[in-house]
Each structure stands twice: as structure tokens, then as C-alpha cells.
PDB file of N, CA and C in Angstrom:
ATOM      1  N   MET A   1     223.957-158.590  -4.888  1.00  0.00           N
ATOM      2  CA  MET A   1     222.900-157.903  -5.595  1.00  0.00           C
ATOM      3  C   MET A   1     223.548-156.962  -6.616  1.00  0.00           C
ATOM      4  N   THR A   2     223.026-157.007  -7.808  1.00  0.00           N
ATOM      5  CA  THR A   2     223.562-156.140  -8.858  1.00  0.00           C
ATOM      6  C   THR A   2     222.533-155.088  -9.223  1.00  0.00           C
ATOM      7  N   LEU A   3     223.032-153.973  -9.642  1.00  0.00           N
ATOM      8  CA  LEU A   3     222.186-152.868 -10.067  1.00  0.00           C
ATOM      9  C   LEU A   3     222.056-152.910 -11.581  1.00  0.00           C
ATOM     10  N   ARG A   4     220.832-153.184 -12.048  1.00  0.00           N
ATOM     11  CA  ARG A   4     220.595-153.219 -13.497  1.00  0.00           C
ATOM     12  C   ARG A   4     220.162-151.838 -13.956  1.00  0.00           C
ATOM     13  N   LEU A   5     220.827-151.351 -14.965  1.00  0.00           N
ATOM     14  CA  LEU A   5     220.557-150.010 -15.463  1.00  0.00           C
ATOM     15  C   LEU A   5     219.146-149.889 -16.032  1.00  0.00           C
ATOM     16  N   ASP A   6     218.661-150.923 -16.727  1.00  0.00           N
ATOM     17  CA  ASP A   6     217.319-150.843 -17.306  1.00  0.00           C
ATOM     18  C   ASP A   6     216.242-150.769 -16.228  1.00  0.00           C
ATOM     19  N   VAL A   7     216.432-151.498 -15.129  1.00  0.00           N
ATOM     20  CA  VAL A   7     215.460-151.454 -14.035  1.00  0.00           C
ATOM     21  C   VAL A   7     215.508-150.098 -13.344  1.00  0.00           C
ATOM     22  N   LEU A   8     216.705-149.602 -13.104  1.00  0.00           N
ATOM     23  CA  LEU A   8     216.856-148.289 -12.479  1.00  0.00           C
ATOM     24  C   LEU A   8     216.224-147.196 -13.332  1.00  0.00           C
ATOM     25  N   LEU A   9     216.438-147.242 -14.639  1.00  0.00           N
ATOM     26  CA  LEU A   9     215.851-146.238 -15.527  1.00  0.00           C
ATOM     27  C   LEU A   9     214.327-146.348 -15.567  1.00  0.00           C
ATOM     28  N   ALA A  10     213.803-147.565 -15.504  1.00  0.00           N
ATOM     29  CA  ALA A  10     212.352-147.743 -15.477  1.00  0.00           C
ATOM     30  C   ALA A  10     211.757-147.152 -14.200  1.00  0.00           C
ATOM     31  N   ILE A  11     212.398-147.397 -13.076  1.00  0.00           N
ATOM     32  CA  ILE A  11     211.911-146.857 -11.797  1.00  0.00           C
ATOM     33  C   ILE A  11     211.982-145.341 -11.798  1.00  0.00           C
ATOM     34  N   LEU A  12     213.096-144.788 -12.231  1.00  0.00           N
ATOM     35  CA  LEU A  12     213.234-143.331 -12.274  1.00  0.00           C
ATOM     36  C   LEU A  12     212.264-142.704 -13.269  1.00  0.00           C
ATOM     37  N   GLY A  13     212.040-143.377 -14.401  1.00  0.00           N
ATOM     38  CA  GLY A  13     211.087-142.867 -15.390  1.00  0.00           C
ATOM     39  C   GLY A  13     209.662-142.840 -14.846  1.00  0.00           C
ATOM     40  N   MET A  14     209.261-143.881 -14.149  1.00  0.00           N
ATOM     41  CA  MET A  14     207.915-143.907 -13.574  1.00  0.00           C
ATOM     42  C   MET A  14     207.779-142.890 -12.441  1.00  0.00           C
ATOM     43  N   ALA A  15     208.843-142.716 -11.670  1.00  0.00           N
ATOM     44  CA  ALA A  15     208.812-141.694 -10.628  1.00  0.00           C
ATOM     45  C   ALA A  15     208.640-140.308 -11.238  1.00  0.00           C
ATOM     46  N   LEU A  16     209.348-140.047 -12.312  1.00  0.00           N
ATOM     47  CA  LEU A  16     209.226-138.761 -12.996  1.00  0.00           C
ATOM     48  C   LEU A  16     207.829-138.584 -13.589  1.00  0.00           C
ATOM     49  N   ALA A  17     207.285-139.639 -14.194  1.00  0.00           N
ATOM     50  CA  ALA A  17     205.936-139.552 -14.761  1.00  0.00           C
ATOM     51  C   ALA A  17     204.902-139.272 -13.675  1.00  0.00           C
ATOM     52  N   THR A  18     205.038-139.942 -12.534  1.00  0.00           N
ATOM     53  CA  THR A  18     204.109-139.704 -11.425  1.00  0.00           C
ATOM     54  C   THR A  18     204.219-138.273 -10.924  1.00  0.00           C
ATOM     55  N   TYR A  19     205.446-137.810 -10.739  1.00  0.00           N
ATOM     56  CA  TYR A  19     205.640-136.443 -10.267  1.00  0.00           C
ATOM     57  C   TYR A  19     205.059-135.430 -11.244  1.00  0.00           C
ATOM     58  N   LEU A  20     205.304-135.627 -12.538  1.00  0.00           N
ATOM     59  CA  LEU A  20     204.795-134.679 -13.524  1.00  0.00           C
ATOM     60  C   LEU A  20     203.271-134.663 -13.577  1.00  0.00           C
ATOM     61  N   CYS A  21     202.648-135.814 -13.417  1.00  0.00           N
ATOM     62  CA  CYS A  21     201.178-135.850 -13.384  1.00  0.00           C
ATOM     63  C   CYS A  21     200.634-135.061 -12.194  1.00  0.00           C
ATOM     64  N   ARG A  22     201.233-135.264 -11.038  1.00  0.00           N
ATOM     65  CA  ARG A  22     200.765-134.546  -9.847  1.00  0.00           C
ATOM     66  C   ARG A  22     201.080-133.059  -9.931  1.00  0.00           C
ATOM     67  N   ALA A  23     202.303-132.746 -10.283  1.00  0.00           N
ATOM     68  CA  ALA A  23     202.697-131.336 -10.370  1.00  0.00           C
ATOM     69  C   ALA A  23     201.914-130.624 -11.467  1.00  0.00           C
ATOM     70  N   GLY A  24     201.655-131.314 -12.564  1.00  0.00           N
ATOM     71  CA  GLY A  24     200.874-130.705 -13.644  1.00  0.00           C
ATOM     72  C   GLY A  24     199.468-130.363 -13.203  1.00  0.00           C
ATOM     73  N   GLY A  25     198.864-131.239 -12.422  1.00  0.00           N
ATOM     74  CA  GLY A  25     197.525-130.959 -11.895  1.00  0.00           C
ATOM     75  C   GLY A  25     197.517-129.742 -10.982  1.00  0.00           C
ATOM     76  N   TYR A  26     198.495-129.671 -10.095  1.00  0.00           N
ATOM     77  CA  TYR A  26     198.576-128.506  -9.204  1.00  0.00           C
ATOM     78  C   TYR A  26     198.817-127.230  -9.993  1.00  0.00           C
ATOM     79  N   ALA A  27     199.716-127.299 -10.969  1.00  0.00           N
ATOM     80  CA  ALA A  27     200.009-126.113 -11.776  1.00  0.00           C
ATOM     81  C   ALA A  27     198.782-125.680 -12.576  1.00  0.00           C
ATOM     82  N   LEU A  28     198.063-126.642 -13.116  1.00  0.00           N
ATOM     83  CA  LEU A  28     196.861-126.326 -13.882  1.00  0.00           C
ATOM     84  C   LEU A  28     195.808-125.650 -13.015  1.00  0.00           C
ATOM     85  N   PHE A  29     195.565-126.196 -11.822  1.00  0.00           N
ATOM     86  CA  PHE A  29     194.536-125.621 -10.949  1.00  0.00           C
ATOM     87  C   PHE A  29     194.958-124.294 -10.333  1.00  0.00           C
ATOM     88  N   ARG A  30     196.247-124.008 -10.303  1.00  0.00           N
ATOM     89  CA  ARG A  30     196.682-122.683  -9.858  1.00  0.00           C
ATOM     90  C   ARG A  30     196.488-121.646 -10.944  1.00  0.00           C
ATOM     91  N   ALA A  31     196.636-122.060 -12.201  1.00  0.00           N
ATOM     92  CA  ALA A  31     196.537-121.126 -13.328  1.00  0.00           C
ATOM     93  C   ALA A  31     195.094-120.907 -13.766  1.00  0.00           C
ATOM     94  N   VAL A  32     194.268-121.951 -13.698  1.00  0.00           N
ATOM     95  CA  VAL A  32     192.895-121.894 -14.196  1.00  0.00           C
ATOM     96  C   VAL A  32     191.954-122.398 -13.105  1.00  0.00           C
ATOM     97  N   ARG A  33     190.933-121.633 -12.835  1.00  0.00           N
ATOM     98  CA  ARG A  33     189.941-122.088 -11.856  1.00  0.00           C
ATOM     99  C   ARG A  33     188.989-123.056 -12.553  1.00  0.00           C
ATOM    100  N   PRO A  34     188.865-124.281 -12.019  1.00  0.00           N
ATOM    101  CA  PRO A  34     187.986-125.255 -12.681  1.00  0.00           C
ATOM    102  C   PRO A  34     186.518-124.882 -12.513  1.00  0.00           C
ATOM    103  N   PRO A  35     185.677-125.353 -13.410  1.00  0.00           N
ATOM    104  CA  PRO A  35     184.237-125.105 -13.261  1.00  0.00           C
ATOM    105  C   PRO A  35     183.709-125.743 -11.969  1.00  0.00           C
ATOM    106  N   ARG A  36     182.595-125.258 -11.522  1.00  0.00           N
ATOM    107  CA  ARG A  36     182.028-125.735 -10.249  1.00  0.00           C
ATOM    108  C   ARG A  36     181.775-127.241 -10.262  1.00  0.00           C
ATOM    109  N   PHE A  37     181.282-127.789 -11.383  1.00  0.00           N
ATOM    110  CA  PHE A  37     180.989-129.216 -11.413  1.00  0.00           C
ATOM    111  C   PHE A  37     182.267-130.047 -11.263  1.00  0.00           C
ATOM    112  N   VAL A  38     183.407-129.540 -11.723  1.00  0.00           N
ATOM    113  CA  VAL A  38     184.672-130.256 -11.554  1.00  0.00           C
ATOM    114  C   VAL A  38     185.084-130.232 -10.079  1.00  0.00           C
ATOM    115  N   GLU A  39     184.917-129.094  -9.424  1.00  0.00           N
ATOM    116  CA  GLU A  39     185.235-129.009  -8.001  1.00  0.00           C
ATOM    117  C   GLU A  39     184.378-129.976  -7.193  1.00  0.00           C
ATOM    118  N   VAL A  40     183.093-130.031  -7.494  1.00  0.00           N
ATOM    119  CA  VAL A  40     182.192-130.940  -6.783  1.00  0.00           C
ATOM    120  C   VAL A  40     182.578-132.387  -7.050  1.00  0.00           C
ATOM    121  N   MET A  41     182.911-132.698  -8.314  1.00  0.00           N
ATOM    122  CA  MET A  41     183.304-134.056  -8.671  1.00  0.00           C
ATOM    123  C   MET A  41     184.566-134.467  -7.908  1.00  0.00           C
ATOM    124  N   LEU A  42     185.530-133.577  -7.816  1.00  0.00           N
ATOM    125  CA  LEU A  42     186.761-133.893  -7.112  1.00  0.00           C
ATOM    126  C   LEU A  42     186.539-134.067  -5.614  1.00  0.00           C
ATOM    127  N   GLN A  43     185.544-133.379  -5.049  1.00  0.00           N
ATOM    128  CA  GLN A  43     185.231-133.549  -3.629  1.00  0.00           C
ATOM    129  C   GLN A  43     184.659-134.927  -3.348  1.00  0.00           C
ATOM    130  N   HIS A  44     183.983-135.527  -4.323  1.00  0.00           N
ATOM    131  CA  HIS A  44     183.364-136.844  -4.130  1.00  0.00           C
ATOM    132  C   HIS A  44     184.237-137.985  -4.622  1.00  0.00           C
ATOM    133  N   LEU A  45     185.427-137.708  -5.077  1.00  0.00           N
ATOM    134  CA  LEU A  45     186.284-138.729  -5.658  1.00  0.00           C
ATOM    135  C   LEU A  45     186.780-139.790  -4.669  1.00  0.00           C
ATOM    136  N   PRO A  46     187.099-139.481  -3.415  1.00  0.00           N
ATOM    137  CA  PRO A  46     187.615-140.527  -2.522  1.00  0.00           C
ATOM    138  C   PRO A  46     186.654-141.704  -2.326  1.00  0.00           C
ATOM    139  N   GLY A  47     185.364-141.456  -2.301  1.00  0.00           N
ATOM    140  CA  GLY A  47     184.403-142.543  -2.121  1.00  0.00           C
ATOM    141  C   GLY A  47     184.458-143.575  -3.237  1.00  0.00           C
ATOM    142  N   PRO A  48     184.335-143.171  -4.502  1.00  0.00           N
ATOM    143  CA  PRO A  48     184.427-144.144  -5.596  1.00  0.00           C
ATOM    144  C   PRO A  48     185.785-144.844  -5.683  1.00  0.00           C
ATOM    145  N   ILE A  49     186.854-144.139  -5.353  1.00  0.00           N
ATOM    146  CA  ILE A  49     188.166-144.788  -5.362  1.00  0.00           C
ATOM    147  C   ILE A  49     188.210-145.881  -4.312  1.00  0.00           C
ATOM    148  N   PHE A  50     187.664-145.602  -3.133  1.00  0.00           N
ATOM    149  CA  PHE A  50     187.638-146.601  -2.064  1.00  0.00           C
ATOM    150  C   PHE A  50     186.791-147.802  -2.480  1.00  0.00           C
ATOM    151  N   VAL A  51     185.644-147.554  -3.090  1.00  0.00           N
ATOM    152  CA  VAL A  51     184.779-148.648  -3.543  1.00  0.00           C
ATOM    153  C   VAL A  51     185.497-149.497  -4.587  1.00  0.00           C
ATOM    154  N   ALA A  52     186.170-148.863  -5.530  1.00  0.00           N
ATOM    155  CA  ALA A  52     186.899-149.601  -6.551  1.00  0.00           C
ATOM    156  C   ALA A  52     188.031-150.423  -5.948  1.00  0.00           C
ATOM    157  N   TYR A  53     188.578-149.963  -4.852  1.00  0.00           N
ATOM    158  CA  TYR A  53     189.670-150.677  -4.194  1.00  0.00           C
ATOM    159  C   TYR A  53     189.163-151.921  -3.462  1.00  0.00           C
ATOM    160  N   VAL A  54     188.015-151.816  -2.810  1.00  0.00           N
ATOM    161  CA  VAL A  54     187.545-152.933  -1.984  1.00  0.00           C
ATOM    162  C   VAL A  54     186.583-153.872  -2.699  1.00  0.00           C
ATOM    163  N   ALA A  55     186.014-153.481  -3.833  1.00  0.00           N
ATOM    164  CA  ALA A  55     185.033-154.336  -4.516  1.00  0.00           C
ATOM    165  C   ALA A  55     185.588-155.709  -4.877  1.00  0.00           C
ATOM    166  N   PRO A  56     186.802-155.832  -5.415  1.00  0.00           N
ATOM    167  CA  PRO A  56     187.311-157.181  -5.699  1.00  0.00           C
ATOM    168  C   PRO A  56     187.453-158.043  -4.443  1.00  0.00           C
ATOM    169  N   ALA A  57     187.863-157.436  -3.343  1.00  0.00           N
ATOM    170  CA  ALA A  57     187.980-158.201  -2.099  1.00  0.00           C
ATOM    171  C   ALA A  57     186.608-158.650  -1.607  1.00  0.00           C
ATOM    172  N   LEU A  58     185.608-157.799  -1.754  1.00  0.00           N
ATOM    173  CA  LEU A  58     184.251-158.193  -1.360  1.00  0.00           C
ATOM    174  C   LEU A  58     183.761-159.355  -2.198  1.00  0.00           C
ATOM    175  N   ALA A  59     184.041-159.327  -3.464  1.00  0.00           N
ATOM    176  CA  ALA A  59     183.585-160.399  -4.351  1.00  0.00           C
ATOM    177  C   ALA A  59     184.225-161.735  -3.985  1.00  0.00           C
ATOM    178  N   THR A  60     185.468-161.713  -3.536  1.00  0.00           N
ATOM    179  CA  THR A  60     186.111-162.979  -3.165  1.00  0.00           C
ATOM    180  C   THR A  60     185.529-163.565  -1.889  1.00  0.00           C
ATOM    181  N   HIS A  61     184.948-162.726  -1.043  1.00  0.00           N
ATOM    182  CA  HIS A  61     184.348-163.216   0.201  1.00  0.00           C
ATOM    183  C   HIS A  61     182.887-163.604   0.041  1.00  0.00           C
ATOM    184  N   GLY A  62     182.328-163.344  -1.117  1.00  0.00           N
ATOM    185  CA  GLY A  62     180.939-163.736  -1.375  1.00  0.00           C
ATOM    186  C   GLY A  62     179.948-162.973  -0.518  1.00  0.00           C
ATOM    187  N   SER A  63     178.966-163.693   0.028  1.00  0.00           N
ATOM    188  CA  SER A  63     177.901-163.040   0.797  1.00  0.00           C
ATOM    189  C   SER A  63     178.433-162.394   2.069  1.00  0.00           C
ATOM    190  N   LYS A  64     179.467-162.990   2.681  1.00  0.00           N
ATOM    191  CA  LYS A  64     180.056-162.373   3.879  1.00  0.00           C
ATOM    192  C   LYS A  64     180.613-160.987   3.554  1.00  0.00           C
ATOM    193  N   GLY A  65     181.257-160.870   2.413  1.00  0.00           N
ATOM    194  CA  GLY A  65     181.822-159.588   2.014  1.00  0.00           C
ATOM    195  C   GLY A  65     180.762-158.536   1.795  1.00  0.00           C
ATOM    196  N   PHE A  66     179.666-158.932   1.159  1.00  0.00           N
ATOM    197  CA  PHE A  66     178.619-157.955   0.893  1.00  0.00           C
ATOM    198  C   PHE A  66     177.848-157.585   2.162  1.00  0.00           C
ATOM    199  N   LEU A  67     177.712-158.521   3.106  1.00  0.00           N
ATOM    200  CA  LEU A  67     177.103-158.180   4.400  1.00  0.00           C
ATOM    201  C   LEU A  67     178.010-157.216   5.173  1.00  0.00           C
ATOM    202  N   ALA A  68     179.305-157.438   5.097  1.00  0.00           N
ATOM    203  CA  ALA A  68     180.242-156.513   5.741  1.00  0.00           C
ATOM    204  C   ALA A  68     180.182-155.146   5.081  1.00  0.00           C
ATOM    205  N   ALA A  69     179.993-155.115   3.767  1.00  0.00           N
ATOM    206  CA  ALA A  69     179.862-153.836   3.065  1.00  0.00           C
ATOM    207  C   ALA A  69     178.622-153.090   3.540  1.00  0.00           C
ATOM    208  N   LEU A  70     177.555-153.810   3.799  1.00  0.00           N
ATOM    209  CA  LEU A  70     176.359-153.163   4.356  1.00  0.00           C
ATOM    210  C   LEU A  70     176.655-152.559   5.723  1.00  0.00           C
ATOM    211  N   ALA A  71     177.454-153.252   6.523  1.00  0.00           N
ATOM    212  CA  ALA A  71     177.847-152.709   7.828  1.00  0.00           C
ATOM    213  C   ALA A  71     178.666-151.434   7.656  1.00  0.00           C
ATOM    214  N   VAL A  72     179.525-151.412   6.654  1.00  0.00           N
ATOM    215  CA  VAL A  72     180.328-150.214   6.370  1.00  0.00           C
ATOM    216  C   VAL A  72     179.427-149.045   5.990  1.00  0.00           C
ATOM    217  N   VAL A  73     178.485-149.303   5.095  1.00  0.00           N
ATOM    218  CA  VAL A  73     177.579-148.237   4.649  1.00  0.00           C
ATOM    219  C   VAL A  73     176.747-147.727   5.820  1.00  0.00           C
ATOM    220  N   ALA A  74     176.257-148.629   6.661  1.00  0.00           N
ATOM    221  CA  ALA A  74     175.458-148.219   7.818  1.00  0.00           C
ATOM    222  C   ALA A  74     176.294-147.392   8.799  1.00  0.00           C
ATOM    223  N   ALA A  75     177.523-147.824   9.057  1.00  0.00           N
ATOM    224  CA  ALA A  75     178.385-147.081   9.972  1.00  0.00           C
ATOM    225  C   ALA A  75     178.734-145.713   9.413  1.00  0.00           C
ATOM    226  N   GLN A  76     178.989-145.644   8.112  1.00  0.00           N
ATOM    227  CA  GLN A  76     179.313-144.352   7.488  1.00  0.00           C
ATOM    228  C   GLN A  76     178.115-143.418   7.541  1.00  0.00           C
ATOM    229  N   ALA A  77     176.934-143.957   7.271  1.00  0.00           N
ATOM    230  CA  ALA A  77     175.727-143.121   7.315  1.00  0.00           C
ATOM    231  C   ALA A  77     175.446-142.633   8.733  1.00  0.00           C
ATOM    232  N   ALA A  78     175.714-143.481   9.710  1.00  0.00           N
ATOM    233  CA  ALA A  78     175.423-143.116  11.093  1.00  0.00           C
ATOM    234  C   ALA A  78     176.448-142.152  11.677  1.00  0.00           C
ATOM    235  N   THR A  79     177.735-142.369  11.375  1.00  0.00           N
ATOM    236  CA  THR A  79     178.779-141.589  12.035  1.00  0.00           C
ATOM    237  C   THR A  79     179.424-140.522  11.158  1.00  0.00           C
ATOM    238  N   ARG A  80     179.335-140.666   9.831  1.00  0.00           N
ATOM    239  CA  ARG A  80     180.039-139.782   8.891  1.00  0.00           C
ATOM    240  C   ARG A  80     181.544-139.776   9.162  1.00  0.00           C
ATOM    241  N   ASN A  81     182.052-140.920   9.628  1.00  0.00           N
ATOM    242  CA  ASN A  81     183.462-141.051   9.973  1.00  0.00           C
ATOM    243  C   ASN A  81     184.026-142.240   9.203  1.00  0.00           C
ATOM    244  N   LEU A  82     184.975-141.999   8.305  1.00  0.00           N
ATOM    245  CA  LEU A  82     185.515-143.055   7.475  1.00  0.00           C
ATOM    246  C   LEU A  82     186.239-144.110   8.301  1.00  0.00           C
ATOM    247  N   ALA A  83     186.975-143.688   9.321  1.00  0.00           N
ATOM    248  CA  ALA A  83     187.693-144.650  10.162  1.00  0.00           C
ATOM    249  C   ALA A  83     186.712-145.574  10.885  1.00  0.00           C
ATOM    250  N   ALA A  84     185.615-145.029  11.377  1.00  0.00           N
ATOM    251  CA  ALA A  84     184.610-145.866  12.050  1.00  0.00           C
ATOM    252  C   ALA A  84     183.962-146.828  11.060  1.00  0.00           C
ATOM    253  N   ALA A  85     183.728-146.385   9.844  1.00  0.00           N
ATOM    254  CA  ALA A  85     183.137-147.251   8.829  1.00  0.00           C
ATOM    255  C   ALA A  85     184.079-148.395   8.474  1.00  0.00           C
ATOM    256  N   ILE A  86     185.357-148.103   8.328  1.00  0.00           N
ATOM    257  CA  ILE A  86     186.329-149.151   8.021  1.00  0.00           C
ATOM    258  C   ILE A  86     186.415-150.133   9.178  1.00  0.00           C
ATOM    259  N   ALA A  87     186.447-149.622  10.406  1.00  0.00           N
ATOM    260  CA  ALA A  87     186.492-150.507  11.574  1.00  0.00           C
ATOM    261  C   ALA A  87     185.254-151.393  11.641  1.00  0.00           C
ATOM    262  N   ALA A  88     184.093-150.832  11.313  1.00  0.00           N
ATOM    263  CA  ALA A  88     182.866-151.632  11.311  1.00  0.00           C
ATOM    264  C   ALA A  88     182.938-152.732  10.263  1.00  0.00           C
ATOM    265  N   GLY A  89     183.475-152.445   9.102  1.00  0.00           N
ATOM    266  CA  GLY A  89     183.605-153.454   8.057  1.00  0.00           C
ATOM    267  C   GLY A  89     184.567-154.559   8.437  1.00  0.00           C
ATOM    268  N   VAL A  90     185.693-154.189   9.029  1.00  0.00           N
ATOM    269  CA  VAL A  90     186.664-155.200   9.462  1.00  0.00           C
ATOM    270  C   VAL A  90     186.060-156.073  10.551  1.00  0.00           C
ATOM    271  N   ALA A  91     185.390-155.444  11.505  1.00  0.00           N
ATOM    272  CA  ALA A  91     184.745-156.213  12.578  1.00  0.00           C
ATOM    273  C   ALA A  91     183.651-157.125  12.020  1.00  0.00           C
ATOM    274  N   ALA A  92     182.886-156.632  11.070  1.00  0.00           N
ATOM    275  CA  ALA A  92     181.805-157.432  10.498  1.00  0.00           C
ATOM    276  C   ALA A  92     182.348-158.639   9.750  1.00  0.00           C
ATOM    277  N   ILE A  93     183.386-158.457   8.949  1.00  0.00           N
ATOM    278  CA  ILE A  93     183.922-159.593   8.197  1.00  0.00           C
ATOM    279  C   ILE A  93     184.547-160.605   9.147  1.00  0.00           C
ATOM    280  N   TRP A  94     185.146-160.127  10.228  1.00  0.00           N
ATOM    281  CA  TRP A  94     185.737-161.030  11.207  1.00  0.00           C
ATOM    282  C   TRP A  94     184.636-161.820  11.926  1.00  0.00           C
ATOM    283  N   LEU A  95     183.589-161.132  12.380  1.00  0.00           N
ATOM    284  CA  LEU A  95     182.491-161.811  13.064  1.00  0.00           C
ATOM    285  C   LEU A  95     181.764-162.777  12.133  1.00  0.00           C
ATOM    286  N   LEU A  96     181.529-162.367  10.908  1.00  0.00           N
ATOM    287  CA  LEU A  96     180.877-163.259   9.947  1.00  0.00           C
ATOM    288  C   LEU A  96     181.737-164.465   9.640  1.00  0.00           C
ATOM    289  N   GLY A  97     183.030-164.316   9.677  1.00  0.00           N
ATOM    290  CA  GLY A  97     183.937-165.457   9.491  1.00  0.00           C
ATOM    291  C   GLY A  97     183.842-166.449  10.618  1.00  0.00           C
ATOM    292  N   LEU A  98     183.551-165.963  11.820  1.00  0.00           N
ATOM    293  CA  LEU A  98     183.367-166.863  12.962  1.00  0.00           C
ATOM    294  C   LEU A  98     182.035-167.581  12.909  1.00  0.00           C
ATOM    295  N   VAL A  99     181.004-166.885  12.424  1.00  0.00           N
ATOM    296  CA  VAL A  99     179.639-167.417  12.449  1.00  0.00           C
ATOM    297  C   VAL A  99     179.358-168.273  11.222  1.00  0.00           C
ATOM    298  N   ILE A 100     179.679-167.751  10.050  1.00  0.00           N
ATOM    299  CA  ILE A 100     179.298-168.454   8.807  1.00  0.00           C
ATOM    300  C   ILE A 100     180.445-169.319   8.331  1.00  0.00           C
TER     301      ILE A 100
END
């Protein structure tokens, strides 16, 4: 295995860019208090990120995927527990795979 300088520099450059983005956000929020609507928006951010992550997978499974998504939404509404909602979705897609 050889170490290519261009690949190493690309990896280190992206690591630095990622670090600066994160550190810059922390530094900004320490120096300036964001408006209330920004704080509220950031509190709701994990949900849309999760939806954006799983939507392509749901689309590939067709109706089974969307039925499993309904199970996830129902479990989340009932328990308010993300781990339980994910477990319900995995169980639903597995059971639907056996049935349909």
C-alpha cells in the first residue's frame, strides 16, 4: 500500500473544513445569542434530518416502506421515544417483508 500525497491532503483538508464549520458554529453561538426562532428551529432539526436520511430507503421499498413509516410515526407519537420508533419501523418492515 502506498501513501498518495494528494489523497492525504484531500482527507486532511476535509477534516479541517469540517472542524472549522463545527468550531465556527460554537464560537458564533458563544459570542452572539441567536434569536428565539433560530433556537426553536435548531431544536426541531433532528427530525427533518432523520426524515431526509430515511426517505430514499422508504421509496425503494414502495408501499411496505411507507407502511413501516406509518408504524414509526405511530410509535413516536405514542411513546415520544426515538429508539422505540426506530425499533417499530424495523420490526414493521421485517414483518411486512414476510407477509407481502
